[in-house]
Protein backbone atom coordinates (compact mmCIF):
# COMPACT_ATOMS: atom_id res chain seq x y z
CA UNK A 1 122.54 -115.75 -139.94
CA UNK A 2 122.21 -117.96 -136.93
CA UNK A 3 120.15 -120.97 -136.40
CA UNK A 4 116.51 -120.13 -135.77
CA UNK A 5 116.01 -123.12 -133.63
CA UNK A 6 118.41 -121.81 -131.07
CA UNK A 7 116.33 -118.56 -130.65
CA UNK A 8 113.21 -120.54 -130.04
CA UNK A 9 114.89 -122.64 -127.47
CA UNK A 10 116.20 -119.55 -125.66
CA UNK A 11 112.76 -118.00 -125.42
CA UNK A 12 111.25 -121.07 -123.88
CA UNK A 13 111.44 -120.95 -120.10
CA UNK A 14 113.74 -123.47 -118.63
CA UNK A 15 112.20 -126.55 -117.28
CA UNK A 16 112.99 -128.12 -113.99
CA UNK A 17 113.08 -126.95 -110.37
CA UNK A 18 114.35 -123.47 -111.20
CA UNK A 19 111.47 -122.83 -113.54
CA UNK A 20 108.87 -123.80 -110.91
CA UNK A 21 110.44 -121.55 -108.29
CA UNK A 22 110.37 -118.48 -110.51
CA UNK A 23 106.76 -119.11 -111.45
CA UNK A 24 105.76 -119.46 -107.80
CA UNK A 25 107.46 -116.16 -106.88
CA UNK A 26 105.62 -114.29 -109.59
CA UNK A 27 102.25 -115.74 -108.46
CA UNK A 28 102.94 -114.82 -104.83
CA UNK A 29 103.66 -111.22 -105.83
CA UNK A 30 100.38 -111.01 -107.72
CA UNK A 31 98.39 -112.44 -104.81
CA UNK A 32 100.05 -110.09 -102.36
CA UNK A 33 99.09 -107.06 -104.49
CA UNK A 34 95.43 -108.06 -104.74
CA UNK A 35 94.59 -109.67 -101.39
CA UNK A 36 97.08 -108.35 -98.83
CA UNK A 37 97.37 -104.72 -99.86
CA UNK A 38 97.46 -102.17 -96.94
CA UNK A 39 94.55 -100.11 -98.34
CA UNK A 40 91.25 -100.89 -100.03
CA UNK A 41 90.40 -97.53 -101.64
CA UNK A 42 87.17 -98.61 -103.32
CA UNK A 43 85.54 -99.97 -100.18
CA UNK A 44 86.72 -97.03 -98.04
CA UNK A 45 85.42 -94.59 -100.64
CA UNK A 46 82.04 -96.28 -100.60
CA UNK A 47 81.94 -96.32 -96.80
CA UNK A 48 82.94 -92.66 -96.64
CA UNK A 49 80.26 -91.58 -99.02
CA UNK A 50 77.62 -93.66 -97.31
CA UNK A 51 78.53 -92.28 -93.86
CA UNK A 52 78.50 -88.70 -95.15
CA UNK A 53 75.11 -89.27 -96.74
CA UNK A 54 73.64 -90.75 -93.58
CA UNK A 55 74.81 -87.99 -91.20
CA UNK A 56 73.39 -84.99 -93.11
CA UNK A 57 70.10 -86.74 -93.70
CA UNK A 58 69.78 -87.54 -89.98
CA UNK A 59 70.60 -83.95 -88.93
CA UNK A 60 68.15 -82.51 -91.44
CA UNK A 61 65.44 -84.85 -90.23
CA UNK A 62 66.03 -83.79 -86.61
CA UNK A 63 65.77 -80.12 -87.59
CA UNK A 64 62.48 -80.77 -89.35
CA UNK A 65 61.11 -82.55 -86.30
CA UNK A 66 62.18 -79.73 -83.98
CA UNK A 67 60.69 -77.09 -86.28
CA UNK A 68 57.45 -79.02 -86.52
CA UNK A 69 57.31 -79.41 -82.73
CA UNK A 70 57.88 -75.65 -82.29
CA UNK A 71 55.07 -74.81 -84.73
CA UNK A 72 52.73 -77.25 -83.00
CA UNK A 73 53.66 -75.74 -79.64
CA UNK A 74 52.92 -72.22 -80.88
CA UNK A 75 49.61 -73.36 -82.34
CA UNK A 76 48.67 -74.93 -79.00
CA UNK A 77 49.57 -71.70 -77.18
CA UNK A 78 47.45 -69.62 -79.57
CA UNK A 79 44.54 -72.03 -79.24
CA UNK A 80 44.75 -71.90 -75.43
CA UNK A 81 44.93 -68.10 -75.47
CA UNK A 82 41.90 -67.82 -77.74
CA UNK A 83 39.97 -70.26 -75.59
CA UNK A 84 40.86 -68.30 -72.45
CA UNK A 85 39.82 -65.02 -74.06
CA UNK A 86 36.55 -66.56 -75.21
CA UNK A 87 35.81 -67.74 -71.68
CA UNK A 88 36.71 -64.31 -70.31
CA UNK A 89 34.38 -62.56 -72.77
CA UNK A 90 31.58 -64.98 -71.95
CA UNK A 91 32.02 -64.44 -68.21
CA UNK A 92 32.03 -60.65 -68.64
CA UNK A 93 28.91 -60.87 -70.79
CA UNK A 94 27.10 -62.91 -68.14
CA UNK A 95 28.22 -60.56 -65.37
CA UNK A 96 27.04 -57.53 -67.34
CA UNK A 97 23.66 -59.13 -67.95
CA UNK A 98 23.32 -59.95 -64.26
CA UNK A 99 24.27 -56.40 -63.26
CA UNK A 100 21.80 -54.88 -65.70
CA UNK A 101 19.04 -57.17 -64.48
CA UNK A 102 19.85 -56.36 -60.85
CA UNK A 103 19.89 -52.63 -61.64
CA UNK A 104 16.48 -52.78 -63.33
CA UNK A 105 15.06 -54.75 -60.41
CA UNK A 106 16.49 -52.21 -57.97
CA UNK A 107 15.00 -49.26 -59.86
CA UNK A 108 11.60 -50.94 -59.92
CA UNK A 109 11.85 -51.69 -56.21
CA UNK A 110 12.84 -48.12 -55.38
CA UNK A 111 9.97 -46.73 -57.42
CA UNK A 112 7.47 -49.05 -55.73
CA UNK A 113 8.93 -48.18 -52.36
CA UNK A 114 8.61 -44.48 -53.11
CA UNK A 115 4.97 -44.86 -54.12
CA UNK A 116 4.33 -46.77 -50.91
CA UNK A 117 5.91 -44.02 -48.83
CA UNK A 118 3.93 -41.34 -50.65
CA UNK A 119 0.73 -43.22 -49.91
CA UNK A 120 1.75 -43.53 -46.29
CA UNK A 121 2.39 -39.80 -45.79
CA UNK A 122 -0.60 -38.61 -47.78
CA UNK A 123 -2.30 -37.33 -44.61
CA UNK A 124 0.59 -35.02 -43.65
CA UNK A 125 1.02 -31.42 -44.70
CA UNK A 126 2.79 -30.69 -47.98
CA UNK A 127 6.07 -29.56 -46.42
CA UNK A 128 6.21 -32.44 -43.98
CA UNK A 129 5.27 -34.93 -46.69
CA UNK A 130 8.05 -33.72 -48.98
CA UNK A 131 10.57 -33.85 -46.15
CA UNK A 132 9.62 -37.40 -45.22
CA UNK A 133 9.74 -38.43 -48.86
CA UNK A 134 13.28 -37.09 -49.32
CA UNK A 135 14.37 -38.65 -46.02
CA UNK A 136 13.10 -42.04 -47.14
CA UNK A 137 14.99 -41.77 -50.40
CA UNK A 138 18.17 -40.78 -48.58
CA UNK A 139 17.86 -43.90 -46.43
CA UNK A 140 17.91 -46.13 -49.50
CA UNK A 141 21.20 -47.95 -50.23
CA UNK A 142 23.81 -45.84 -51.99
CA UNK A 143 25.23 -48.76 -53.92
CA UNK A 144 24.79 -48.49 -57.66
CA UNK A 145 25.61 -51.07 -60.25
CA UNK A 146 26.77 -48.40 -62.69
CA UNK A 147 29.79 -46.20 -62.11
CA UNK A 148 28.56 -42.78 -61.03
CA UNK A 149 30.60 -39.56 -61.29
CA UNK A 150 33.48 -39.40 -58.83
CA UNK A 151 32.67 -37.32 -55.74
CA UNK A 152 36.18 -35.88 -55.53
CA UNK A 153 35.81 -34.67 -59.09
CA UNK A 154 32.37 -33.17 -58.40
CA UNK A 155 33.81 -31.24 -55.45
CA UNK A 156 35.92 -29.27 -57.93
CA UNK A 157 32.84 -28.11 -59.86
CA UNK A 158 31.17 -24.70 -59.46
CA UNK A 159 27.66 -25.73 -60.55
CA UNK A 160 25.74 -29.04 -60.74
CA UNK A 161 22.86 -29.07 -63.25
CA UNK A 162 20.32 -31.92 -63.27
CA UNK A 163 18.48 -32.13 -66.60
CA UNK A 164 15.19 -33.99 -67.01
CA UNK A 165 15.44 -35.31 -70.58
CA UNK A 166 11.89 -36.62 -70.32
CA UNK A 167 10.79 -33.01 -70.04
CA UNK A 168 13.40 -31.31 -72.17
CA UNK A 169 15.35 -33.61 -74.49
CA UNK A 170 16.73 -30.82 -76.70
CA UNK A 171 18.68 -29.14 -73.92
CA UNK A 172 21.96 -28.76 -75.80
CA UNK A 173 20.24 -27.59 -78.97
CA UNK A 174 18.78 -24.55 -77.16
CA UNK A 175 22.10 -23.33 -75.72
CA UNK A 176 23.46 -20.49 -77.87
CA UNK A 177 26.91 -20.50 -76.28
CA UNK A 178 29.26 -22.35 -73.98
CA UNK A 179 28.59 -22.74 -70.28
CA UNK A 180 31.03 -21.50 -67.69
CA UNK A 181 33.95 -23.68 -66.74
CA UNK A 182 33.08 -25.90 -63.79
CA UNK A 183 29.48 -26.55 -64.85
CA UNK A 184 28.60 -30.25 -64.63
CA UNK A 185 25.55 -31.58 -66.53
CA UNK A 186 23.85 -34.74 -65.20
CA UNK A 187 21.10 -36.01 -67.51
CA UNK A 188 18.22 -38.33 -66.52
CA UNK A 189 15.71 -40.17 -68.69
CA UNK A 190 12.84 -42.56 -68.10
CA UNK A 191 12.30 -45.93 -69.71
CA UNK A 192 10.05 -44.49 -72.42
CA UNK A 193 12.61 -41.88 -73.48
CA UNK A 194 15.38 -42.77 -75.91
CA UNK A 195 17.67 -39.75 -75.62
CA UNK A 196 20.54 -39.63 -78.08
CA UNK A 197 23.51 -37.24 -78.15
CA UNK A 198 23.03 -34.35 -80.57
CA UNK A 199 24.97 -34.45 -83.81
CA UNK A 200 27.60 -31.82 -84.54
CA UNK A 201 26.90 -29.96 -81.29
CA UNK A 202 30.03 -28.13 -80.14
CA UNK A 203 28.73 -27.53 -76.61
CA UNK A 204 27.87 -31.18 -76.02
CA UNK A 205 31.12 -32.40 -77.58
CA UNK A 206 33.14 -30.03 -75.42
CA UNK A 207 31.41 -30.96 -72.15
CA UNK A 208 31.62 -34.65 -72.95
CA UNK A 209 35.30 -34.39 -73.86
CA UNK A 210 36.33 -32.66 -70.62
CA UNK A 211 34.21 -35.02 -68.49
CA UNK A 212 31.53 -32.51 -67.48
CA UNK A 213 28.56 -34.49 -68.81
CA UNK A 214 27.11 -37.72 -67.44
CA UNK A 215 24.09 -39.56 -68.82
CA UNK A 216 22.43 -41.51 -66.04
CA UNK A 217 21.32 -45.06 -66.93
CA UNK A 218 17.77 -45.21 -68.19
CA UNK A 219 15.21 -45.49 -65.40
CA UNK A 220 12.16 -47.74 -65.44
CA UNK A 221 9.04 -47.10 -67.52
CA UNK A 222 6.95 -46.23 -64.51
CA UNK A 223 5.58 -42.73 -64.18
CA UNK A 224 7.99 -40.08 -62.82
CA UNK A 225 10.84 -42.61 -62.53
CA UNK A 226 13.39 -40.03 -63.72
CA UNK A 227 12.02 -37.45 -61.25
CA UNK A 228 12.52 -39.84 -58.34
CA UNK A 229 16.06 -40.58 -59.52
CA UNK A 230 16.87 -36.85 -59.66
CA UNK A 231 15.53 -36.34 -56.12
CA UNK A 232 17.48 -39.28 -54.78
CA UNK A 233 20.85 -38.32 -56.30
CA UNK A 234 20.42 -34.62 -55.59
CA UNK A 235 19.75 -35.45 -51.94
CA UNK A 236 22.75 -37.77 -51.82
CA UNK A 237 25.06 -35.12 -53.28
CA UNK A 238 23.64 -32.51 -50.90
CA UNK A 239 25.11 -34.50 -48.02
CA UNK A 240 28.50 -35.09 -49.64
CA UNK A 241 29.39 -31.93 -51.59
CA UNK A 242 30.36 -28.50 -50.23
CA UNK A 243 27.38 -26.26 -49.55
CA UNK A 244 28.65 -23.42 -51.75
CA UNK A 245 28.13 -25.52 -54.91
CA UNK A 246 24.66 -24.65 -56.25
CA UNK A 247 22.24 -27.21 -57.65
CA UNK A 248 19.95 -26.44 -60.59
CA UNK A 249 17.17 -28.67 -61.91
CA UNK A 250 15.92 -28.11 -65.45
CA UNK A 251 12.41 -29.51 -65.68
CA UNK A 252 8.86 -28.37 -66.22
CA UNK A 253 7.52 -30.60 -63.44
CA UNK A 254 6.21 -28.43 -60.61
CA UNK A 255 6.97 -31.08 -58.00
CA UNK A 256 10.62 -30.03 -57.96
CA UNK A 257 9.66 -26.67 -56.42
CA UNK A 258 9.26 -28.45 -53.10
CA UNK A 259 12.76 -29.88 -53.47
CA UNK A 260 14.03 -26.31 -53.79
CA UNK A 261 12.36 -25.45 -50.48
CA UNK A 262 13.93 -28.46 -48.82
CA UNK A 263 17.40 -27.47 -50.00
CA UNK A 264 16.96 -24.07 -48.37
CA UNK A 265 16.76 -25.86 -45.03
CA UNK A 266 20.11 -27.53 -45.67
CA UNK A 267 21.74 -24.21 -46.71
CA UNK A 268 22.13 -25.47 -50.26
CA UNK A 269 21.58 -22.86 -53.02
CA UNK A 270 19.14 -24.53 -55.40
CA UNK A 271 17.23 -23.35 -58.47
CA UNK A 272 14.37 -24.92 -60.43
CA UNK A 273 14.22 -23.60 -64.00
CA UNK A 274 11.37 -24.36 -66.37
CA UNK A 275 12.89 -24.59 -69.87
CA UNK A 276 9.49 -24.09 -71.49
CA UNK A 277 9.24 -20.57 -70.04
CA UNK A 278 12.75 -19.40 -70.99
CA UNK A 279 14.56 -18.80 -74.25
CA UNK A 280 17.87 -20.48 -74.93
CA UNK A 281 20.00 -17.36 -74.47
CA UNK A 282 18.26 -16.48 -71.21
CA UNK A 283 18.70 -20.05 -69.95
CA UNK A 284 22.42 -19.98 -70.78
CA UNK A 285 22.83 -16.60 -69.08
CA UNK A 286 21.06 -17.81 -65.92
CA UNK A 287 23.19 -20.95 -65.68
CA UNK A 288 26.40 -18.95 -66.11
CA UNK A 289 25.22 -16.38 -63.56
CA UNK A 290 24.59 -19.10 -60.97
CA UNK A 291 28.07 -20.54 -61.45
CA UNK A 292 29.57 -17.03 -61.18
CA UNK A 293 28.13 -16.67 -57.67
CA UNK A 294 30.16 -19.70 -56.60
CA UNK A 295 33.34 -18.17 -57.99
CA UNK A 296 32.62 -14.90 -56.15
CA UNK A 297 32.17 -16.80 -52.89
CA UNK A 298 35.45 -18.57 -53.46
CA UNK A 299 37.21 -15.28 -54.22
CA UNK A 300 35.74 -13.72 -51.05
CA UNK A 301 36.99 -16.66 -49.04
CA UNK A 302 40.42 -16.32 -50.60
CA UNK A 303 40.39 -12.57 -49.89
CA UNK A 304 39.47 -13.24 -46.28
CA UNK A 305 42.30 -15.71 -45.97
CA UNK A 306 44.68 -13.20 -47.55
CA UNK A 307 43.56 -10.41 -45.17
CA UNK A 308 43.98 -12.73 -42.22
CA UNK A 309 47.49 -13.60 -43.29
CA UNK A 310 48.34 -9.88 -43.72
CA UNK A 311 47.02 -9.09 -40.25
CA UNK A 312 49.01 -11.93 -38.77
CA UNK A 313 52.12 -10.73 -40.56
CA UNK A 314 51.57 -7.16 -39.31
CA UNK A 315 51.04 -8.40 -35.76
CA UNK A 316 54.20 -10.46 -35.90
CA UNK A 317 56.13 -7.40 -37.17
CA UNK A 318 54.85 -5.30 -34.24
CA UNK A 319 55.90 -8.02 -31.80
CA UNK A 320 59.41 -8.06 -33.24
CA UNK A 321 59.71 -4.25 -32.97
CA UNK A 322 58.46 -4.31 -29.36
CA UNK A 323 60.97 -7.00 -28.42
CA UNK A 324 63.75 -4.98 -30.05
CA UNK A 325 62.80 -1.81 -28.09
CA UNK A 326 62.76 -3.74 -24.80
CA UNK A 327 66.18 -5.22 -25.55
CA UNK A 328 67.68 -1.76 -26.25
CA UNK A 329 66.23 -0.28 -23.08
CA UNK A 330 67.75 -3.07 -21.02
CA UNK A 331 71.14 -2.49 -22.62
CA UNK A 332 71.02 1.24 -21.81
CA UNK A 333 70.27 0.49 -18.17
């Protein structure tokens, strides 16, 4: 066995300059590894995570702001639209009220004017008085606040029927069957009459559906207001519709008989029927018979046109044959 003291001495680092140099080299290597390393993974990892966390949060926040702005913009648009519609409805409501008020004032004025004219012509004969009365009504303005039936559409009708609902409100209930095609019903009512469409009435529903029924706006509450309105509009249509279209007035008022006489002077076929003196089936038959006369007149006119065209065609054929004979005779010569 060797000396143990020698092993201890060997394990002790040598002293002197060599020992200090080796210790310095080892310390420099340690410092270089800790402080001068090319990478700092912990700090870079922290920076990377922090930057990744900041970017998504910023993008998400921007999206939320944009979405909120879009919703607010849509809400503002809806609010503006609703406000505009509310103003539009209010304006239409005011305009309708003004039109209705103007229409009522006009009806009252026309009625007062008619009474004044009747008082003025009281000293004339009956025929002359009626003529002057109708003339005065025809001179009144044609403008109406309400939308009246289109004249071009009325020109296609075969029969115009004016119904006095003050005198006969259950007109449709008394009709046993349908009226002929081309019959137009124009109903009038005074201010004291509250006419309502009949329930479950096939005739009324059919005429209303095809546009052959018109309920005139309610007239004033003055006496005979609806009668004056019928006279005025019948006279207006007499000037603007073809003369072959007959007019019929359904009313028990005897004053309309004079209107029938006046229409004879304008070559307008007119009839005054008292519903209180006729049954429903007879009334329906009379109305259909009147409209049939218009169709017969139209067929006669069409037949006349057809005969004229045949005669013209025959004449033209004779002219062609004559020209052909002359041409042949000239060739033979």
